[in-house]
PDB file of N, CA and C in Angstrom:
ATOM      1  N   MET A   1     236.903 182.264 -58.563  1.00  0.00           N
ATOM      2  CA  MET A   1     235.836 183.536 -59.911  1.00  0.00           C
ATOM      3  C   MET A   1     234.584 182.488 -59.212  1.00  0.00           C
ATOM      4  N   HIS A   2     233.641 182.972 -59.565  1.00  0.00           N
ATOM      5  CA  HIS A   2     231.970 182.927 -59.396  1.00  0.00           C
ATOM      6  C   HIS A   2     231.404 182.845 -61.199  1.00  0.00           C
ATOM      7  N   SER A   3     231.237 182.218 -60.200  1.00  0.00           N
ATOM      8  CA  SER A   3     229.744 181.897 -62.007  1.00  0.00           C
ATOM      9  C   SER A   3     229.281 182.982 -63.510  1.00  0.00           C
ATOM     10  N   PRO A   4     229.568 183.923 -64.397  1.00  0.00           N
ATOM     11  CA  PRO A   4     228.823 184.708 -64.557  1.00  0.00           C
ATOM     12  C   PRO A   4     227.428 184.468 -65.143  1.00  0.00           C
ATOM     13  N   SER A   5     226.173 185.553 -64.608  1.00  0.00           N
ATOM     14  CA  SER A   5     225.109 186.325 -64.398  1.00  0.00           C
ATOM     15  C   SER A   5     224.548 185.035 -66.139  1.00  0.00           C
ATOM     16  N   HIS A   6     223.629 184.646 -65.783  1.00  0.00           N
ATOM     17  CA  HIS A   6     222.634 184.182 -67.180  1.00  0.00           C
ATOM     18  C   HIS A   6     222.640 185.892 -67.471  1.00  0.00           C
ATOM     19  N   LEU A   7     222.089 186.070 -69.339  1.00  0.00           N
ATOM     20  CA  LEU A   7     221.839 187.312 -69.141  1.00  0.00           C
ATOM     21  C   LEU A   7     220.523 187.150 -68.997  1.00  0.00           C
ATOM     22  N   GLY A   8     219.559 186.718 -69.458  1.00  0.00           N
ATOM     23  CA  GLY A   8     217.867 186.798 -68.955  1.00  0.00           C
ATOM     24  C   GLY A   8     218.006 186.895 -68.147  1.00  0.00           C
ATOM     25  N   LYS A   9     218.688 187.019 -67.241  1.00  0.00           N
ATOM     26  CA  LYS A   9     219.062 187.380 -65.782  1.00  0.00           C
ATOM     27  C   LYS A   9     218.862 188.887 -65.549  1.00  0.00           C
ATOM     28  N   ILE A  10     219.802 189.420 -66.426  1.00  0.00           N
ATOM     29  CA  ILE A  10     220.539 190.890 -66.426  1.00  0.00           C
ATOM     30  C   ILE A  10     219.358 191.994 -67.757  1.00  0.00           C
ATOM     31  N   LEU A  11     218.968 190.837 -68.422  1.00  0.00           N
ATOM     32  CA  LEU A  11     217.843 191.385 -68.886  1.00  0.00           C
ATOM     33  C   LEU A  11     216.257 191.511 -68.299  1.00  0.00           C
ATOM     34  N   LYS A  12     215.806 191.005 -67.723  1.00  0.00           N
ATOM     35  CA  LYS A  12     214.413 190.983 -66.362  1.00  0.00           C
ATOM     36  C   LYS A  12     214.811 192.083 -65.659  1.00  0.00           C
ATOM     37  N   GLY A  13     215.876 191.768 -64.804  1.00  0.00           N
ATOM     38  CA  GLY A  13     216.933 193.197 -63.724  1.00  0.00           C
ATOM     39  C   GLY A  13     216.901 194.205 -64.177  1.00  0.00           C
ATOM     40  N   LEU A  14     217.935 195.120 -64.788  1.00  0.00           N
ATOM     41  CA  LEU A  14     217.653 196.496 -65.251  1.00  0.00           C
ATOM     42  C   LEU A  14     217.343 196.410 -66.436  1.00  0.00           C
ATOM     43  N   TYR A  15     217.072 195.744 -67.650  1.00  0.00           N
ATOM     44  CA  TYR A  15     215.306 196.067 -68.909  1.00  0.00           C
ATOM     45  C   TYR A  15     214.622 195.996 -68.061  1.00  0.00           C
ATOM     46  N   LEU A  16     214.132 195.149 -68.396  1.00  0.00           N
ATOM     47  CA  LEU A  16     211.879 194.547 -68.507  1.00  0.00           C
ATOM     48  C   LEU A  16     211.827 195.501 -67.170  1.00  0.00           C
ATOM     49  N   ASP A  17     212.287 195.322 -65.654  1.00  0.00           N
ATOM     50  CA  ASP A  17     211.776 195.769 -64.375  1.00  0.00           C
ATOM     51  C   ASP A  17     212.061 197.350 -64.006  1.00  0.00           C
ATOM     52  N   GLY A  18     213.363 197.852 -64.689  1.00  0.00           N
ATOM     53  CA  GLY A  18     213.699 199.135 -64.838  1.00  0.00           C
ATOM     54  C   GLY A  18     213.185 200.231 -65.425  1.00  0.00           C
ATOM     55  N   ALA A  19     211.906 199.197 -66.898  1.00  0.00           N
ATOM     56  CA  ALA A  19     211.007 199.935 -67.683  1.00  0.00           C
ATOM     57  C   ALA A  19     209.632 199.858 -67.163  1.00  0.00           C
ATOM     58  N   ASP A  20     209.448 199.394 -65.812  1.00  0.00           N
ATOM     59  CA  ASP A  20     207.682 199.144 -65.785  1.00  0.00           C
ATOM     60  C   ASP A  20     207.734 198.160 -67.024  1.00  0.00           C
ATOM     61  N   LEU A  21     208.448 197.267 -67.744  1.00  0.00           N
ATOM     62  CA  LEU A  21     207.167 195.657 -68.492  1.00  0.00           C
ATOM     63  C   LEU A  21     207.595 194.818 -68.211  1.00  0.00           C
ATOM     64  N   THR A  22     206.243 194.276 -68.462  1.00  0.00           N
ATOM     65  CA  THR A  22     206.356 193.114 -68.385  1.00  0.00           C
ATOM     66  C   THR A  22     207.292 191.872 -69.527  1.00  0.00           C
ATOM     67  N   VAL A  23     207.285 190.672 -69.376  1.00  0.00           N
ATOM     68  CA  VAL A  23     207.732 189.004 -70.177  1.00  0.00           C
ATOM     69  C   VAL A  23     207.080 189.864 -71.837  1.00  0.00           C
ATOM     70  N   THR A  24     205.306 189.958 -71.712  1.00  0.00           N
ATOM     71  CA  THR A  24     204.472 189.856 -72.291  1.00  0.00           C
ATOM     72  C   THR A  24     205.551 191.492 -73.213  1.00  0.00           C
ATOM     73  N   GLN A  25     204.539 191.959 -72.786  1.00  0.00           N
ATOM     74  CA  GLN A  25     204.708 193.898 -73.391  1.00  0.00           C
ATOM     75  C   GLN A  25     206.027 193.287 -74.066  1.00  0.00           C
ATOM     76  N   ALA A  26     207.175 193.515 -73.590  1.00  0.00           N
ATOM     77  CA  ALA A  26     208.636 192.836 -74.111  1.00  0.00           C
ATOM     78  C   ALA A  26     209.022 192.552 -75.413  1.00  0.00           C
ATOM     79  N   ALA A  27     208.001 190.618 -74.849  1.00  0.00           N
ATOM     80  CA  ALA A  27     208.637 190.241 -75.780  1.00  0.00           C
ATOM     81  C   ALA A  27     207.078 190.721 -77.294  1.00  0.00           C
ATOM     82  N   GLY A  28     206.100 191.173 -77.280  1.00  0.00           N
ATOM     83  CA  GLY A  28     205.418 191.874 -78.341  1.00  0.00           C
ATOM     84  C   GLY A  28     206.981 193.246 -78.874  1.00  0.00           C
ATOM     85  N   ALA A  29     206.475 193.861 -78.139  1.00  0.00           N
ATOM     86  CA  ALA A  29     208.064 194.746 -78.351  1.00  0.00           C
ATOM     87  C   ALA A  29     209.049 194.568 -79.528  1.00  0.00           C
ATOM     88  N   LEU A  30     209.498 192.783 -79.335  1.00  0.00           N
ATOM     89  CA  LEU A  30     210.784 192.763 -80.089  1.00  0.00           C
ATOM     90  C   LEU A  30     210.047 192.088 -80.757  1.00  0.00           C
ATOM     91  N   GLY A  31     208.921 191.451 -80.598  1.00  0.00           N
ATOM     92  CA  GLY A  31     208.316 191.031 -82.303  1.00  0.00           C
ATOM     93  C   GLY A  31     208.191 189.199 -81.874  1.00  0.00           C
ATOM     94  N   ILE A  32     208.512 188.331 -80.710  1.00  0.00           N
ATOM     95  CA  ILE A  32     208.684 187.214 -81.177  1.00  0.00           C
ATOM     96  C   ILE A  32     207.955 186.841 -79.982  1.00  0.00           C
ATOM     97  N   SER A  33     207.760 185.422 -79.346  1.00  0.00           N
ATOM     98  CA  SER A  33     206.458 184.964 -78.808  1.00  0.00           C
ATOM     99  C   SER A  33     207.433 185.136 -76.955  1.00  0.00           C
ATOM    100  N   ARG A  34     205.847 185.058 -76.282  1.00  0.00           N
ATOM    101  CA  ARG A  34     206.080 185.770 -75.174  1.00  0.00           C
ATOM    102  C   ARG A  34     207.368 184.862 -74.048  1.00  0.00           C
ATOM    103  N   LYS A  35     206.723 183.438 -74.797  1.00  0.00           N
ATOM    104  CA  LYS A  35     207.339 182.240 -74.533  1.00  0.00           C
ATOM    105  C   LYS A  35     209.006 181.802 -74.263  1.00  0.00           C
ATOM    106  N   THR A  36     209.073 182.311 -75.560  1.00  0.00           N
ATOM    107  CA  THR A  36     210.290 182.414 -76.239  1.00  0.00           C
ATOM    108  C   THR A  36     211.809 182.796 -75.610  1.00  0.00           C
ATOM    109  N   LEU A  37     210.557 184.756 -75.019  1.00  0.00           N
ATOM    110  CA  LEU A  37     211.437 185.784 -74.117  1.00  0.00           C
ATOM    111  C   LEU A  37     211.775 184.954 -73.027  1.00  0.00           C
ATOM    112  N   SER A  38     210.130 184.279 -72.451  1.00  0.00           N
ATOM    113  CA  SER A  38     210.438 183.598 -70.603  1.00  0.00           C
ATOM    114  C   SER A  38     211.270 183.144 -70.300  1.00  0.00           C
ATOM    115  N   GLN A  39     212.216 182.211 -71.646  1.00  0.00           N
ATOM    116  CA  GLN A  39     212.893 181.027 -71.824  1.00  0.00           C
ATOM    117  C   GLN A  39     214.373 181.417 -71.931  1.00  0.00           C
ATOM    118  N   ILE A  40     214.640 182.453 -71.925  1.00  0.00           N
ATOM    119  CA  ILE A  40     215.573 182.906 -72.320  1.00  0.00           C
ATOM    120  C   ILE A  40     215.947 183.790 -70.527  1.00  0.00           C
ATOM    121  N   ILE A  41     214.945 184.926 -70.219  1.00  0.00           N
ATOM    122  CA  ILE A  41     214.908 184.883 -68.843  1.00  0.00           C
ATOM    123  C   ILE A  41     214.938 183.923 -67.396  1.00  0.00           C
ATOM    124  N   ASN A  42     214.338 182.726 -68.413  1.00  0.00           N
ATOM    125  CA  ASN A  42     214.319 182.335 -67.437  1.00  0.00           C
ATOM    126  C   ASN A  42     216.059 180.592 -66.657  1.00  0.00           C
ATOM    127  N   GLY A  43     216.249 181.609 -68.412  1.00  0.00           N
ATOM    128  CA  GLY A  43     218.272 180.678 -68.579  1.00  0.00           C
ATOM    129  C   GLY A  43     218.140 179.265 -69.086  1.00  0.00           C
ATOM    130  N   HIS A  44     216.595 179.290 -68.918  1.00  0.00           N
ATOM    131  CA  HIS A  44     216.336 177.524 -70.176  1.00  0.00           C
ATOM    132  C   HIS A  44     217.050 178.146 -71.785  1.00  0.00           C
ATOM    133  N   ALA A  45     217.839 178.735 -72.222  1.00  0.00           N
ATOM    134  CA  ALA A  45     217.328 179.556 -73.616  1.00  0.00           C
ATOM    135  C   ALA A  45     218.243 180.381 -73.424  1.00  0.00           C
ATOM    136  N   GLY A  46     219.892 180.124 -74.636  1.00  0.00           N
ATOM    137  CA  GLY A  46     220.073 181.063 -74.728  1.00  0.00           C
ATOM    138  C   GLY A  46     219.981 182.301 -75.739  1.00  0.00           C
ATOM    139  N   ILE A  47     220.882 183.108 -76.494  1.00  0.00           N
ATOM    140  CA  ILE A  47     220.553 184.327 -77.512  1.00  0.00           C
ATOM    141  C   ILE A  47     220.997 183.911 -78.997  1.00  0.00           C
ATOM    142  N   SER A  48     221.211 184.708 -79.643  1.00  0.00           N
ATOM    143  CA  SER A  48     221.530 184.342 -80.966  1.00  0.00           C
ATOM    144  C   SER A  48     222.438 185.179 -81.768  1.00  0.00           C
ATOM    145  N   ALA A  49     222.361 185.679 -82.782  1.00  0.00           N
ATOM    146  CA  ALA A  49     223.193 186.655 -82.964  1.00  0.00           C
ATOM    147  C   ALA A  49     221.692 187.589 -83.449  1.00  0.00           C
ATOM    148  N   PRO A  50     221.049 187.030 -84.382  1.00  0.00           N
ATOM    149  CA  PRO A  50     219.742 187.520 -84.294  1.00  0.00           C
ATOM    150  C   PRO A  50     218.798 188.941 -83.161  1.00  0.00           C
ATOM    151  N   MET A  51     219.313 187.326 -82.535  1.00  0.00           N
ATOM    152  CA  MET A  51     218.747 188.410 -80.849  1.00  0.00           C
ATOM    153  C   MET A  51     218.405 188.739 -80.993  1.00  0.00           C
ATOM    154  N   ALA A  52     220.316 189.386 -80.701  1.00  0.00           N
ATOM    155  CA  ALA A  52     221.212 189.768 -80.373  1.00  0.00           C
ATOM    156  C   ALA A  52     220.650 191.818 -80.444  1.00  0.00           C
ATOM    157  N   LEU A  53     220.203 190.936 -82.161  1.00  0.00           N
ATOM    158  CA  LEU A  53     220.704 192.473 -82.707  1.00  0.00           C
ATOM    159  C   LEU A  53     218.417 193.497 -82.070  1.00  0.00           C
ATOM    160  N   LEU A  54     217.539 192.277 -82.445  1.00  0.00           N
ATOM    161  CA  LEU A  54     216.889 192.311 -81.730  1.00  0.00           C
ATOM    162  C   LEU A  54     216.903 193.398 -80.160  1.00  0.00           C
ATOM    163  N   LEU A  55     217.274 192.805 -79.485  1.00  0.00           N
ATOM    164  CA  LEU A  55     218.117 193.239 -78.463  1.00  0.00           C
ATOM    165  C   LEU A  55     217.707 195.219 -77.953  1.00  0.00           C
ATOM    166  N   ALA A  56     219.084 195.261 -79.118  1.00  0.00           N
ATOM    167  CA  ALA A  56     219.967 196.142 -78.921  1.00  0.00           C
ATOM    168  C   ALA A  56     218.815 196.839 -79.114  1.00  0.00           C
ATOM    169  N   GLN A  57     218.810 196.587 -80.031  1.00  0.00           N
ATOM    170  CA  GLN A  57     217.981 197.466 -81.024  1.00  0.00           C
ATOM    171  C   GLN A  57     216.252 198.626 -79.882  1.00  0.00           C
ATOM    172  N   ALA A  58     216.208 196.946 -78.994  1.00  0.00           N
ATOM    173  CA  ALA A  58     214.734 197.704 -78.572  1.00  0.00           C
ATOM    174  C   ALA A  58     215.236 197.883 -76.795  1.00  0.00           C
ATOM    175  N   PHE A  59     216.667 198.156 -76.478  1.00  0.00           N
ATOM    176  CA  PHE A  59     217.297 198.761 -75.680  1.00  0.00           C
ATOM    177  C   PHE A  59     218.308 199.300 -75.602  1.00  0.00           C
ATOM    178  N   PRO A  60     218.508 201.194 -76.397  1.00  0.00           N
ATOM    179  CA  PRO A  60     219.325 201.446 -77.512  1.00  0.00           C
ATOM    180  C   PRO A  60     220.665 201.995 -76.505  1.00  0.00           C
ATOM    181  N   THR A  61     220.727 201.856 -74.912  1.00  0.00           N
ATOM    182  CA  THR A  61     221.030 202.138 -74.423  1.00  0.00           C
ATOM    183  C   THR A  61     222.853 200.580 -75.077  1.00  0.00           C
ATOM    184  N   THR A  62     221.883 199.505 -75.219  1.00  0.00           N
ATOM    185  CA  THR A  62     222.728 198.806 -74.846  1.00  0.00           C
ATOM    186  C   THR A  62     223.386 198.541 -76.492  1.00  0.00           C
ATOM    187  N   THR A  63     224.430 197.198 -77.467  1.00  0.00           N
ATOM    188  CA  THR A  63     224.351 196.603 -78.242  1.00  0.00           C
ATOM    189  C   THR A  63     224.781 195.560 -78.367  1.00  0.00           C
ATOM    190  N   PRO A  64     224.423 194.919 -79.619  1.00  0.00           N
ATOM    191  CA  PRO A  64     224.736 192.946 -79.433  1.00  0.00           C
ATOM    192  C   PRO A  64     225.784 192.671 -79.513  1.00  0.00           C
ATOM    193  N   GLN A  65     226.617 194.028 -79.780  1.00  0.00           N
ATOM    194  CA  GLN A  65     228.224 192.973 -78.640  1.00  0.00           C
ATOM    195  C   GLN A  65     227.854 192.792 -77.241  1.00  0.00           C
ATOM    196  N   LEU A  66     227.490 193.827 -76.633  1.00  0.00           N
ATOM    197  CA  LEU A  66     226.924 193.240 -75.043  1.00  0.00           C
ATOM    198  C   LEU A  66     226.135 191.732 -74.910  1.00  0.00           C
ATOM    199  N   TRP A  67     225.200 191.843 -75.735  1.00  0.00           N
ATOM    200  CA  TRP A  67     224.678 190.985 -75.901  1.00  0.00           C
ATOM    201  C   TRP A  67     225.343 190.032 -75.665  1.00  0.00           C
ATOM    202  N   LEU A  68     225.590 189.671 -77.185  1.00  0.00           N
ATOM    203  CA  LEU A  68     226.656 188.947 -77.170  1.00  0.00           C
ATOM    204  C   LEU A  68     227.719 187.791 -76.706  1.00  0.00           C
ATOM    205  N   ASN A  69     229.210 189.028 -76.224  1.00  0.00           N
ATOM    206  CA  ASN A  69     229.111 188.821 -75.237  1.00  0.00           C
ATOM    207  C   ASN A  69     228.766 188.029 -73.627  1.00  0.00           C
ATOM    208  N   LEU A  70     227.555 188.438 -73.147  1.00  0.00           N
ATOM    209  CA  LEU A  70     227.093 187.575 -71.672  1.00  0.00           C
ATOM    210  C   LEU A  70     226.599 186.549 -72.407  1.00  0.00           C
ATOM    211  N   GLN A  71     226.588 185.975 -73.346  1.00  0.00           N
ATOM    212  CA  GLN A  71     225.989 185.342 -73.152  1.00  0.00           C
ATOM    213  C   GLN A  71     227.637 184.649 -73.949  1.00  0.00           C
ATOM    214  N   LEU A  72     228.324 184.098 -74.384  1.00  0.00           N
ATOM    215  CA  LEU A  72     229.373 184.288 -74.142  1.00  0.00           C
ATOM    216  C   LEU A  72     230.370 184.330 -73.380  1.00  0.00           C
ATOM    217  N   GLN A  73     230.341 184.758 -72.320  1.00  0.00           N
ATOM    218  CA  GLN A  73     230.955 184.736 -70.890  1.00  0.00           C
ATOM    219  C   GLN A  73     230.627 183.217 -70.680  1.00  0.00           C
ATOM    220  N   TYR A  74     228.963 183.265 -70.286  1.00  0.00           N
ATOM    221  CA  TYR A  74     227.938 182.508 -69.757  1.00  0.00           C
ATOM    222  C   TYR A  74     228.091 180.664 -70.315  1.00  0.00           C
ATOM    223  N   ASP A  75     228.861 180.529 -71.616  1.00  0.00           N
ATOM    224  CA  ASP A  75     229.014 179.877 -71.673  1.00  0.00           C
ATOM    225  C   ASP A  75     230.149 179.083 -71.621  1.00  0.00           C
ATOM    226  N   LEU A  76     230.788 179.774 -72.220  1.00  0.00           N
ATOM    227  CA  LEU A  76     232.688 179.716 -71.332  1.00  0.00           C
ATOM    228  C   LEU A  76     232.908 179.407 -69.717  1.00  0.00           C
ATOM    229  N   TRP A  77     232.124 179.954 -69.118  1.00  0.00           N
ATOM    230  CA  TRP A  77     231.624 178.932 -67.928  1.00  0.00           C
ATOM    231  C   TRP A  77     231.383 178.191 -67.769  1.00  0.00           C
TER     232      TRP A  77
END
């Protein structure tokens, strides 16, 4: 069994790159600092329930549960 991808990699690859958003643009839209988003994307930080809510609002094809499940799978691995 392979280790699951960090949700930051998924966030960057599917949602930021897919929408041609820079980290700065995405952080502004989420109302968080660029540093905070960069730490998540680079796998140096995880997410909390409030961040999962922000991500789900910013990317309406997702849910808070999706983001939290990705975090949980990574943490449990």
